[in-house]
Amino acid sequence: MIKNFFLFLIKIYQLFLSPQKGVFRNIWLVNIPCRFNETCSEFAARNIQEKGFLRGGKLAMKRIAKCHPFSNNINN
């Protein structure tokens, strides 16, 4: 139940707000490409689907914490 709710929220984010894929991607003022091959939202959805809400959510949060321009860690 919780897993499906968060997967739904990730899908809504991807459809509308994502700077790479969303419907409104053209309104972002800066076009910064994603630093990872699999975007953070794709990574989060896959891990929550495969590993469950708690473990997949923890991995997603670690990934999102690395997703900034000053991070020199480019591994998953």
Protein backbone atom coordinates (compact mmCIF):
# COMPACT_ATOMS: atom_id res chain seq x y z
CA MET A 1 0.00 0.00 0.00
CA ILE A 2 2.68 2.53 1.01
CA LYS A 3 4.94 1.24 -1.76
CA ASN A 4 2.24 1.82 -4.38
CA PHE A 5 1.51 5.30 -3.05
CA PHE A 6 5.16 6.36 -3.37
CA LEU A 7 5.46 4.77 -6.81
CA PHE A 8 2.40 6.82 -7.81
CA LEU A 9 4.02 10.02 -6.47
CA ILE A 10 7.23 9.28 -8.37
CA LYS A 11 5.24 8.72 -11.58
CA ILE A 12 3.43 12.06 -11.12
CA TYR A 13 6.78 13.78 -10.57
CA GLN A 14 8.21 12.17 -13.70
CA LEU A 15 5.21 13.14 -15.82
CA PHE A 16 4.94 16.76 -14.75
CA LEU A 17 7.88 18.16 -12.77
CA SER A 18 10.99 16.27 -13.89
CA PRO A 19 13.48 18.57 -15.64
CA GLN A 20 14.49 15.71 -17.96
CA LYS A 21 11.14 14.10 -18.80
CA GLY A 22 8.25 16.16 -17.49
CA VAL A 23 5.61 17.97 -19.46
CA PHE A 24 6.82 21.26 -18.01
CA ARG A 25 10.53 20.60 -18.67
CA ASN A 26 10.68 23.64 -20.96
CA ILE A 27 9.81 26.08 -18.17
CA TRP A 28 12.98 25.31 -16.19
CA LEU A 29 15.33 28.27 -16.54
CA VAL A 30 18.49 26.18 -16.50
CA ASN A 31 18.83 23.03 -18.59
CA ILE A 32 21.18 20.91 -16.47
CA PRO A 33 21.57 17.33 -17.65
CA CYS A 34 21.23 14.57 -15.08
CA ARG A 35 24.60 13.41 -13.77
CA PHE A 36 23.51 9.76 -13.58
CA ASN A 37 22.61 7.42 -16.43
CA GLU A 38 19.43 6.35 -14.69
CA THR A 39 17.74 9.45 -13.27
CA CYS A 40 17.12 9.63 -9.53
CA SER A 41 13.38 9.17 -9.98
CA GLU A 42 13.88 6.08 -12.17
CA PHE A 43 16.37 4.72 -9.64
CA ALA A 44 13.96 5.37 -6.76
CA ALA A 45 11.00 3.75 -8.52
CA ARG A 46 13.01 0.67 -9.51
CA ASN A 47 14.45 0.17 -6.02
CA ILE A 48 11.15 0.72 -4.23
CA GLN A 49 9.51 -1.75 -6.62
CA GLU A 50 12.22 -4.40 -6.24
CA LYS A 51 13.38 -3.98 -2.64
CA GLY A 52 10.33 -2.58 -0.90
CA PHE A 53 9.52 0.80 0.58
CA LEU A 54 12.03 0.93 3.45
CA ARG A 55 15.16 -0.47 1.80
CA GLY A 56 14.41 1.00 -1.64
CA GLY A 57 13.54 4.36 -0.08
CA LYS A 58 16.81 4.39 1.85
CA LEU A 59 18.78 3.71 -1.33
CA ALA A 60 16.83 6.44 -3.14
CA MET A 61 17.57 8.97 -0.40
CA LYS A 62 21.28 8.13 -0.57
CA ARG A 63 21.20 8.63 -4.35
CA ILE A 64 19.37 11.95 -4.09
CA ALA A 65 21.90 13.13 -1.49
CA LYS A 66 24.67 12.58 -4.08
CA CYS A 67 22.79 14.45 -6.79
CA HIS A 68 24.24 17.94 -6.59
CA PRO A 69 26.96 19.77 -8.51
CA PHE A 70 29.49 19.72 -5.66
CA SER A 71 29.50 15.95 -5.18
CA ASN A 72 32.51 14.18 -6.62
CA ASN A 73 30.98 10.73 -6.09
CA ILE A 74 29.48 9.59 -9.40
CA ASN A 75 28.88 5.96 -8.50
CA ASN A 76 25.47 4.58 -7.57
